[in-house]
N, C-alpha and C. Protein backbone atom coordinates (compact mmCIF):
# COMPACT_ATOMS: atom_id res chain seq x y z
N MET A 1 -123.24 -81.19 48.33
CA MET A 1 -123.98 -81.20 49.58
C MET A 1 -125.10 -80.16 49.57
N ASN A 2 -124.85 -79.01 48.92
CA ASN A 2 -125.89 -77.98 48.85
C ASN A 2 -127.14 -78.49 48.14
N PHE A 3 -126.94 -79.32 47.11
CA PHE A 3 -128.09 -79.89 46.40
C PHE A 3 -128.92 -80.76 47.33
N ILE A 4 -128.28 -81.59 48.14
CA ILE A 4 -128.99 -82.48 49.06
C ILE A 4 -129.74 -81.66 50.11
N ILE A 5 -129.12 -80.61 50.63
CA ILE A 5 -129.78 -79.75 51.61
C ILE A 5 -131.02 -79.12 50.99
N LYS A 6 -130.89 -78.60 49.78
CA LYS A 6 -132.05 -77.99 49.11
C LYS A 6 -133.12 -79.02 48.81
N LEU A 7 -132.71 -80.21 48.37
CA LEU A 7 -133.66 -81.29 48.07
C LEU A 7 -134.48 -81.65 49.30
N ILE A 8 -133.82 -81.85 50.41
CA ILE A 8 -134.50 -82.27 51.63
C ILE A 8 -135.28 -81.12 52.26
N ALA A 9 -134.65 -79.96 52.41
CA ALA A 9 -135.31 -78.83 53.06
C ALA A 9 -136.54 -78.37 52.27
N SER A 10 -136.50 -78.52 50.94
CA SER A 10 -137.64 -78.12 50.11
C SER A 10 -138.60 -79.29 49.88
N PHE A 11 -138.39 -80.40 50.58
CA PHE A 11 -139.20 -81.60 50.45
C PHE A 11 -139.40 -81.98 48.99
N PHE A 12 -138.29 -82.40 48.39
CA PHE A 12 -138.27 -82.83 46.99
C PHE A 12 -138.72 -81.70 46.06
N PHE A 13 -138.29 -80.49 46.39
CA PHE A 13 -138.50 -79.27 45.62
C PHE A 13 -139.93 -78.75 45.60
N THR A 14 -140.81 -79.25 46.46
CA THR A 14 -142.15 -78.67 46.55
C THR A 14 -142.08 -77.26 47.13
N GLY A 15 -141.02 -76.95 47.84
CA GLY A 15 -140.83 -75.60 48.37
C GLY A 15 -140.65 -74.55 47.28
N TYR A 16 -140.39 -75.00 46.07
CA TYR A 16 -140.21 -74.07 44.96
C TYR A 16 -141.52 -73.74 44.25
N PHE A 17 -142.64 -74.30 44.70
CA PHE A 17 -143.93 -73.94 44.11
C PHE A 17 -144.08 -72.42 44.22
N PRO A 18 -144.63 -71.78 43.20
CA PRO A 18 -144.71 -70.31 43.23
C PRO A 18 -145.66 -69.75 44.29
N ALA A 19 -146.63 -70.54 44.71
CA ALA A 19 -147.56 -70.08 45.75
C ALA A 19 -147.94 -71.27 46.63
N ALA A 20 -148.16 -71.01 47.89
CA ALA A 20 -148.62 -72.03 48.84
C ALA A 20 -147.71 -73.25 48.89
N SER A 21 -146.42 -73.02 48.98
CA SER A 21 -145.47 -74.14 49.00
C SER A 21 -145.65 -75.01 50.24
N GLY A 22 -146.02 -74.42 51.37
CA GLY A 22 -146.27 -75.20 52.58
C GLY A 22 -147.48 -76.11 52.42
N THR A 23 -148.49 -75.61 51.76
CA THR A 23 -149.69 -76.42 51.48
C THR A 23 -149.35 -77.54 50.51
N ALA A 24 -148.52 -77.24 49.51
CA ALA A 24 -148.11 -78.27 48.54
C ALA A 24 -147.34 -79.38 49.25
N ALA A 25 -146.43 -79.01 50.15
CA ALA A 25 -145.65 -80.02 50.88
C ALA A 25 -146.56 -80.84 51.80
N SER A 26 -147.53 -80.18 52.42
CA SER A 26 -148.47 -80.89 53.29
C SER A 26 -149.31 -81.87 52.48
N LEU A 27 -149.74 -81.44 51.32
CA LEU A 27 -150.53 -82.32 50.45
C LEU A 27 -149.70 -83.50 49.96
N LEU A 28 -148.45 -83.26 49.62
CA LEU A 28 -147.57 -84.36 49.21
C LEU A 28 -147.39 -85.35 50.37
N SER A 29 -147.32 -84.85 51.58
CA SER A 29 -147.23 -85.73 52.76
C SER A 29 -148.46 -86.61 52.88
N VAL A 30 -149.63 -86.05 52.61
CA VAL A 30 -150.88 -86.82 52.66
C VAL A 30 -150.86 -87.91 51.59
N ILE A 31 -150.39 -87.56 50.40
CA ILE A 31 -150.33 -88.54 49.30
C ILE A 31 -149.37 -89.67 49.65
N ILE A 32 -148.22 -89.33 50.21
CA ILE A 32 -147.26 -90.35 50.62
C ILE A 32 -147.86 -91.24 51.70
N TYR A 33 -148.57 -90.63 52.65
CA TYR A 33 -149.24 -91.41 53.69
C TYR A 33 -150.23 -92.38 53.06
N TYR A 34 -151.00 -91.91 52.10
CA TYR A 34 -152.01 -92.76 51.46
C TYR A 34 -151.37 -94.03 50.88
N TYR A 35 -150.22 -93.88 50.24
CA TYR A 35 -149.57 -95.03 49.62
C TYR A 35 -148.77 -95.89 50.60
N LEU A 36 -148.33 -95.32 51.71
CA LEU A 36 -147.52 -96.07 52.66
C LEU A 36 -148.26 -96.47 53.93
N ARG A 37 -149.53 -96.12 54.05
CA ARG A 37 -150.27 -96.33 55.29
C ARG A 37 -150.35 -97.79 55.73
N MET A 38 -150.30 -98.70 54.79
CA MET A 38 -150.41 -100.11 55.12
C MET A 38 -149.04 -100.73 55.45
N SER A 39 -148.00 -99.92 55.38
CA SER A 39 -146.64 -100.40 55.66
C SER A 39 -146.00 -99.58 56.77
N PRO A 40 -146.39 -99.81 58.02
CA PRO A 40 -145.84 -99.00 59.11
C PRO A 40 -144.33 -99.14 59.26
N PHE A 41 -143.77 -100.26 58.83
CA PHE A 41 -142.33 -100.45 58.93
C PHE A 41 -141.58 -99.60 57.90
N VAL A 42 -142.31 -99.04 56.95
CA VAL A 42 -141.72 -98.10 56.00
C VAL A 42 -142.10 -96.67 56.40
N TYR A 43 -143.38 -96.48 56.75
CA TYR A 43 -143.87 -95.12 57.02
C TYR A 43 -143.26 -94.52 58.28
N LEU A 44 -143.18 -95.26 59.36
CA LEU A 44 -142.63 -94.71 60.61
C LEU A 44 -141.17 -94.27 60.46
N PRO A 45 -140.30 -95.07 59.85
CA PRO A 45 -138.94 -94.58 59.62
C PRO A 45 -138.89 -93.36 58.69
N PHE A 46 -139.81 -93.31 57.73
CA PHE A 46 -139.89 -92.16 56.83
C PHE A 46 -140.20 -90.89 57.62
N VAL A 47 -141.18 -90.96 58.51
CA VAL A 47 -141.55 -89.81 59.33
C VAL A 47 -140.39 -89.42 60.25
N PHE A 48 -139.75 -90.42 60.85
CA PHE A 48 -138.59 -90.16 61.70
C PHE A 48 -137.49 -89.46 60.89
N PHE A 49 -137.25 -89.93 59.66
CA PHE A 49 -136.26 -89.30 58.78
C PHE A 49 -136.62 -87.85 58.50
N LEU A 50 -137.90 -87.57 58.26
CA LEU A 50 -138.32 -86.19 57.99
C LEU A 50 -138.00 -85.27 59.16
N PHE A 51 -138.33 -85.72 60.37
CA PHE A 51 -138.04 -84.90 61.55
C PHE A 51 -136.54 -84.74 61.78
N LEU A 52 -135.82 -85.82 61.69
CA LEU A 52 -134.38 -85.78 61.90
C LEU A 52 -133.71 -84.86 60.88
N SER A 53 -134.05 -85.04 59.61
CA SER A 53 -133.44 -84.20 58.58
C SER A 53 -133.93 -82.76 58.65
N GLY A 54 -135.17 -82.56 59.09
CA GLY A 54 -135.68 -81.19 59.26
C GLY A 54 -134.87 -80.42 60.29
N PHE A 55 -134.62 -81.05 61.43
CA PHE A 55 -133.80 -80.40 62.45
C PHE A 55 -132.36 -80.24 61.99
N ALA A 56 -131.86 -81.22 61.24
CA ALA A 56 -130.46 -81.18 60.80
C ALA A 56 -130.21 -80.18 59.68
N PHE A 57 -131.15 -80.04 58.74
CA PHE A 57 -130.88 -79.25 57.55
C PHE A 57 -131.56 -77.90 57.48
N SER A 58 -132.55 -77.63 58.30
CA SER A 58 -133.27 -76.36 58.16
C SER A 58 -132.37 -75.15 58.41
N GLY A 59 -131.48 -75.25 59.38
CA GLY A 59 -130.55 -74.15 59.63
C GLY A 59 -129.61 -73.91 58.47
N ARG A 60 -129.09 -74.98 57.91
CA ARG A 60 -128.20 -74.86 56.74
C ARG A 60 -128.96 -74.31 55.54
N ALA A 61 -130.22 -74.71 55.41
CA ALA A 61 -131.04 -74.22 54.30
C ALA A 61 -131.31 -72.73 54.43
N GLN A 62 -131.49 -72.25 55.66
CA GLN A 62 -131.69 -70.82 55.85
C GLN A 62 -130.48 -70.04 55.35
N VAL A 63 -129.30 -70.56 55.59
CA VAL A 63 -128.08 -69.92 55.10
C VAL A 63 -128.04 -69.97 53.57
N LEU A 64 -128.36 -71.12 53.00
CA LEU A 64 -128.35 -71.26 51.54
C LEU A 64 -129.36 -70.33 50.86
N PHE A 65 -130.56 -70.27 51.43
CA PHE A 65 -131.61 -69.44 50.84
C PHE A 65 -131.51 -67.98 51.28
N GLN A 66 -130.59 -67.70 52.21
CA GLN A 66 -130.34 -66.36 52.73
C GLN A 66 -131.60 -65.69 53.27
N LYS A 67 -132.39 -66.50 53.99
CA LYS A 67 -133.63 -65.98 54.56
C LYS A 67 -134.04 -66.84 55.73
N LYS A 68 -134.43 -66.21 56.83
CA LYS A 68 -134.92 -66.96 57.99
C LYS A 68 -136.28 -67.56 57.65
N ASP A 69 -136.42 -68.86 57.85
CA ASP A 69 -137.65 -69.60 57.55
C ASP A 69 -138.18 -69.27 56.15
N SER A 70 -137.32 -69.44 55.17
CA SER A 70 -137.68 -69.21 53.78
C SER A 70 -138.89 -70.05 53.39
N GLU A 71 -139.71 -69.51 52.49
CA GLU A 71 -140.88 -70.26 52.01
C GLU A 71 -140.47 -71.51 51.24
N LYS A 72 -139.20 -71.59 50.86
CA LYS A 72 -138.71 -72.78 50.17
C LYS A 72 -138.42 -73.93 51.14
N ILE A 73 -138.28 -73.61 52.41
CA ILE A 73 -138.04 -74.63 53.43
C ILE A 73 -139.40 -75.15 53.89
N VAL A 74 -139.75 -76.33 53.44
CA VAL A 74 -141.06 -76.91 53.76
C VAL A 74 -140.95 -78.28 54.41
N ILE A 75 -139.74 -78.70 54.76
CA ILE A 75 -139.57 -79.98 55.44
C ILE A 75 -140.34 -79.98 56.76
N ASP A 76 -140.47 -78.81 57.38
CA ASP A 76 -141.22 -78.69 58.62
C ASP A 76 -142.69 -79.00 58.43
N GLU A 77 -143.28 -78.49 57.35
CA GLU A 77 -144.68 -78.81 57.05
C GLU A 77 -144.83 -80.29 56.70
N ALA A 78 -143.91 -80.81 55.92
CA ALA A 78 -143.99 -82.21 55.50
C ALA A 78 -143.90 -83.14 56.70
N ALA A 79 -142.95 -82.90 57.58
CA ALA A 79 -142.78 -83.75 58.76
C ALA A 79 -143.99 -83.66 59.68
N SER A 80 -144.43 -82.44 59.94
CA SER A 80 -145.53 -82.26 60.89
C SER A 80 -146.85 -82.79 60.34
N MET A 81 -147.10 -82.60 59.04
CA MET A 81 -148.32 -83.17 58.44
C MET A 81 -148.25 -84.68 58.45
N SER A 82 -147.07 -85.24 58.26
CA SER A 82 -146.92 -86.70 58.32
C SER A 82 -147.25 -87.22 59.71
N LEU A 83 -146.90 -86.45 60.72
CA LEU A 83 -147.25 -86.82 62.10
C LEU A 83 -148.77 -86.80 62.28
N VAL A 84 -149.42 -85.78 61.77
CA VAL A 84 -150.89 -85.69 61.86
C VAL A 84 -151.52 -86.90 61.16
N CYS A 85 -151.00 -87.27 60.01
CA CYS A 85 -151.54 -88.41 59.26
C CYS A 85 -151.55 -89.69 60.09
N MET A 86 -150.58 -89.84 60.95
CA MET A 86 -150.49 -91.06 61.77
C MET A 86 -151.68 -91.21 62.71
N PHE A 87 -152.40 -90.13 62.96
CA PHE A 87 -153.54 -90.17 63.87
C PHE A 87 -154.88 -90.23 63.14
N THR A 88 -154.86 -90.42 61.83
CA THR A 88 -156.12 -90.42 61.07
C THR A 88 -156.74 -91.79 60.91
N LYS A 89 -156.05 -92.83 61.34
CA LYS A 89 -156.59 -94.19 61.37
C LYS A 89 -157.14 -94.67 60.02
N GLY A 90 -156.57 -94.19 58.92
CA GLY A 90 -157.02 -94.64 57.61
C GLY A 90 -158.43 -94.22 57.28
N ASP A 91 -158.84 -93.04 57.74
CA ASP A 91 -160.20 -92.56 57.55
C ASP A 91 -160.14 -91.26 56.73
N TYR A 92 -160.91 -91.22 55.64
CA TYR A 92 -160.90 -90.06 54.77
C TYR A 92 -161.30 -88.78 55.50
N LEU A 93 -162.34 -88.84 56.30
CA LEU A 93 -162.80 -87.65 57.02
C LEU A 93 -161.72 -87.15 57.97
N LEU A 94 -161.11 -88.07 58.72
CA LEU A 94 -160.05 -87.67 59.65
C LEU A 94 -158.84 -87.12 58.90
N LEU A 95 -158.52 -87.70 57.77
CA LEU A 95 -157.38 -87.24 56.97
C LEU A 95 -157.65 -85.83 56.43
N ALA A 96 -158.83 -85.62 55.90
CA ALA A 96 -159.19 -84.29 55.38
C ALA A 96 -159.22 -83.26 56.50
N CYS A 97 -159.81 -83.64 57.63
CA CYS A 97 -159.85 -82.73 58.78
C CYS A 97 -158.43 -82.44 59.28
N GLY A 98 -157.61 -83.46 59.37
CA GLY A 98 -156.24 -83.27 59.82
C GLY A 98 -155.47 -82.31 58.93
N PHE A 99 -155.64 -82.46 57.62
CA PHE A 99 -154.98 -81.57 56.66
C PHE A 99 -155.47 -80.13 56.87
N LEU A 100 -156.77 -79.96 56.92
CA LEU A 100 -157.34 -78.61 57.07
C LEU A 100 -156.97 -77.99 58.42
N PHE A 101 -157.06 -78.78 59.49
CA PHE A 101 -156.70 -78.26 60.81
C PHE A 101 -155.23 -77.86 60.85
N PHE A 102 -154.36 -78.71 60.32
CA PHE A 102 -152.94 -78.41 60.35
C PHE A 102 -152.64 -77.13 59.56
N ARG A 103 -153.17 -77.03 58.35
CA ARG A 103 -152.91 -75.83 57.56
C ARG A 103 -153.45 -74.58 58.26
N PHE A 104 -154.63 -74.70 58.87
CA PHE A 104 -155.22 -73.57 59.58
C PHE A 104 -154.28 -73.10 60.70
N PHE A 105 -153.86 -74.03 61.56
CA PHE A 105 -153.00 -73.65 62.68
C PHE A 105 -151.62 -73.20 62.22
N ASP A 106 -151.11 -73.77 61.14
CA ASP A 106 -149.80 -73.37 60.64
C ASP A 106 -149.85 -71.96 60.05
N ILE A 107 -150.96 -71.60 59.44
CA ILE A 107 -151.08 -70.28 58.83
C ILE A 107 -151.47 -69.22 59.86
N ILE A 108 -152.47 -69.51 60.70
CA ILE A 108 -152.98 -68.54 61.68
C ILE A 108 -152.01 -68.35 62.85
N LYS A 109 -151.37 -69.43 63.26
CA LYS A 109 -150.41 -69.44 64.37
C LYS A 109 -150.98 -68.87 65.67
N PRO A 110 -151.98 -69.56 66.24
CA PRO A 110 -152.51 -69.10 67.52
C PRO A 110 -151.47 -69.30 68.63
N PRO A 111 -151.67 -68.64 69.78
CA PRO A 111 -150.72 -68.83 70.89
C PRO A 111 -150.68 -70.29 71.30
N PRO A 112 -149.56 -70.81 71.65
CA PRO A 112 -148.23 -70.21 71.74
C PRO A 112 -147.40 -70.38 70.47
N ILE A 113 -148.02 -70.77 69.36
CA ILE A 113 -147.26 -71.02 68.14
C ILE A 113 -146.54 -69.76 67.67
N LYS A 114 -147.19 -68.62 67.74
CA LYS A 114 -146.57 -67.36 67.32
C LYS A 114 -145.31 -67.09 68.14
N ARG A 115 -145.36 -67.38 69.43
CA ARG A 115 -144.20 -67.17 70.30
C ARG A 115 -143.07 -68.14 69.94
N ILE A 116 -143.43 -69.38 69.64
CA ILE A 116 -142.43 -70.38 69.26
C ILE A 116 -141.72 -69.96 67.98
N GLU A 117 -142.48 -69.39 67.05
CA GLU A 117 -141.92 -68.97 65.77
C GLU A 117 -140.83 -67.91 65.96
N LYS A 118 -140.91 -67.15 67.03
CA LYS A 118 -139.95 -66.07 67.26
C LYS A 118 -138.65 -66.56 67.89
N ILE A 119 -138.58 -67.85 68.24
CA ILE A 119 -137.34 -68.41 68.77
C ILE A 119 -136.30 -68.33 67.66
N SER A 120 -135.09 -67.96 68.00
CA SER A 120 -134.06 -67.89 66.98
C SER A 120 -133.40 -69.24 66.78
N GLY A 121 -132.86 -69.42 65.60
CA GLY A 121 -132.15 -70.66 65.30
C GLY A 121 -132.99 -71.62 64.48
N PRO A 122 -132.36 -72.68 64.03
CA PRO A 122 -133.03 -73.65 63.15
C PRO A 122 -134.15 -74.43 63.84
N LYS A 123 -134.10 -74.55 65.17
CA LYS A 123 -135.16 -75.28 65.87
C LYS A 123 -136.52 -74.64 65.67
N ALA A 124 -136.55 -73.31 65.58
CA ALA A 124 -137.82 -72.60 65.44
C ALA A 124 -138.54 -72.99 64.16
N VAL A 125 -137.80 -73.28 63.09
CA VAL A 125 -138.40 -73.67 61.82
C VAL A 125 -139.28 -74.90 62.04
N MET A 126 -138.78 -75.86 62.79
CA MET A 126 -139.50 -77.11 63.02
C MET A 126 -140.53 -76.99 64.14
N LEU A 127 -140.19 -76.31 65.22
CA LEU A 127 -141.03 -76.33 66.42
C LEU A 127 -142.40 -75.70 66.24
N ASP A 128 -142.50 -74.61 65.49
CA ASP A 128 -143.82 -73.99 65.32
C ASP A 128 -144.76 -74.91 64.55
N ASP A 129 -144.23 -75.66 63.60
CA ASP A 129 -145.07 -76.60 62.84
C ASP A 129 -145.44 -77.83 63.67
N ILE A 130 -144.54 -78.24 64.54
CA ILE A 130 -144.86 -79.35 65.44
C ILE A 130 -146.00 -78.93 66.37
N ALA A 131 -145.97 -77.69 66.85
CA ALA A 131 -147.05 -77.19 67.70
C ALA A 131 -148.37 -77.15 66.93
N ALA A 132 -148.32 -76.69 65.68
CA ALA A 132 -149.53 -76.68 64.84
C ALA A 132 -150.05 -78.10 64.64
N ALA A 133 -149.14 -79.06 64.47
CA ALA A 133 -149.53 -80.46 64.31
C ALA A 133 -150.20 -80.98 65.58
N LEU A 134 -149.67 -80.60 66.73
CA LEU A 134 -150.28 -81.06 68.00
C LEU A 134 -151.70 -80.52 68.15
N TYR A 135 -151.91 -79.26 67.80
CA TYR A 135 -153.27 -78.71 67.81
C TYR A 135 -154.17 -79.50 66.86
N ALA A 136 -153.68 -79.75 65.66
CA ALA A 136 -154.46 -80.49 64.66
C ALA A 136 -154.78 -81.90 65.15
N ILE A 137 -153.81 -82.55 65.77
CA ILE A 137 -154.03 -83.91 66.27
C ILE A 137 -155.12 -83.91 67.34
N LEU A 138 -155.11 -82.92 68.22
CA LEU A 138 -156.16 -82.85 69.24
C LEU A 138 -157.54 -82.74 68.61
N LEU A 139 -157.66 -81.93 67.58
CA LEU A 139 -158.96 -81.82 66.91
C LEU A 139 -159.31 -83.07 66.12
N VAL A 140 -158.33 -83.72 65.52
CA VAL A 140 -158.58 -84.99 64.82
C VAL A 140 -159.11 -86.02 65.82
N LEU A 141 -158.53 -86.06 66.99
CA LEU A 141 -159.00 -87.00 68.02
C LEU A 141 -160.42 -86.66 68.47
N LEU A 142 -160.75 -85.39 68.50
CA LEU A 142 -162.12 -84.98 68.83
C LEU A 142 -163.08 -85.45 67.74
N VAL A 143 -162.72 -85.26 66.48
CA VAL A 143 -163.56 -85.73 65.37
C VAL A 143 -163.71 -87.25 65.44
N TYR A 144 -162.63 -87.94 65.77
CA TYR A 144 -162.70 -89.40 65.92
C TYR A 144 -163.70 -89.79 67.01
N ARG A 145 -163.66 -89.08 68.13
CA ARG A 145 -164.62 -89.37 69.21
C ARG A 145 -166.06 -89.13 68.75
N LEU A 146 -166.25 -88.08 67.95
CA LEU A 146 -167.59 -87.80 67.41
C LEU A 146 -168.02 -88.91 66.45
N GLN A 147 -167.08 -89.48 65.72
CA GLN A 147 -167.39 -90.63 64.87
C GLN A 147 -167.79 -91.82 65.72
N GLN A 148 -167.04 -92.07 66.78
CA GLN A 148 -167.32 -93.20 67.65
C GLN A 148 -168.68 -93.07 68.33
N ALA A 149 -169.08 -91.83 68.59
CA ALA A 149 -170.39 -91.59 69.20
C ALA A 149 -171.52 -91.63 68.19
N GLY A 150 -171.19 -91.79 66.91
CA GLY A 150 -172.21 -91.87 65.87
C GLY A 150 -172.68 -90.51 65.39
N ILE A 151 -172.03 -89.45 65.82
CA ILE A 151 -172.43 -88.10 65.41
C ILE A 151 -171.89 -87.76 64.03
N LEU A 152 -170.69 -88.24 63.72
CA LEU A 152 -170.09 -88.05 62.40
C LEU A 152 -169.83 -89.41 61.77
N PRO A 153 -169.89 -89.50 60.43
CA PRO A 153 -169.65 -90.79 59.77
C PRO A 153 -168.16 -91.14 59.73
N ALA A 154 -167.86 -92.41 59.76
CA ALA A 154 -166.50 -92.91 59.54
C ALA A 154 -166.41 -93.32 58.07
N VAL A 155 -165.39 -92.85 57.38
CA VAL A 155 -165.22 -93.13 55.97
C VAL A 155 -163.82 -93.69 55.77
N SER A 156 -163.67 -95.00 55.87
CA SER A 156 -162.36 -95.63 55.77
C SER A 156 -161.81 -95.57 54.36
N ILE A 157 -160.50 -95.37 54.27
CA ILE A 157 -159.83 -95.39 52.98
C ILE A 157 -159.92 -96.80 52.42
N GLY A 158 -160.37 -96.91 51.20
CA GLY A 158 -160.49 -98.20 50.57
C GLY A 158 -161.91 -98.78 50.69
N ALA A 159 -162.72 -98.19 51.54
CA ALA A 159 -164.09 -98.67 51.70
C ALA A 159 -164.92 -98.16 50.52
N ARG A 160 -165.87 -98.96 50.12
CA ARG A 160 -166.75 -98.56 49.03
C ARG A 160 -168.02 -97.95 49.61
N PRO A 161 -168.50 -96.87 48.99
CA PRO A 161 -169.74 -96.27 49.49
C PRO A 161 -170.92 -97.24 49.33
N ALA A 162 -171.82 -97.20 50.27
CA ALA A 162 -172.98 -98.10 50.26
C ALA A 162 -174.04 -97.63 49.30
């Protein structure tokens, strides 16, 4: 069981990257989204599984890794980045912006994210990243509106440059 907890909490062992493990997990989430984006009946349950397992296993993983919110626990980044991906509408610019916005908010932790991070227990591991994802989604939606207004270009995944 410990192997499964480590596997899931580290998002298929990306949490073991020597540096920027949260960024690695977020990037892997983007790659998975890219390949599953055309199959919502696969992608949506996958995202649901990430959140469910993140809440279920992050507390146990903290005990295994003997550290509160260990850098090896990246299921929170993977789940939250996957949520951001759902709002990118298959657009390269939105996907890139979503990734950058999410990483920015996850690293900087503006209010109230910093306060959420201080909550004790396994919920805090997931909740601060969900808050960062919500901030990122708001900015992705703003970029989308700018695209719709013709201010920024729309670059659909799979589209060929003119």
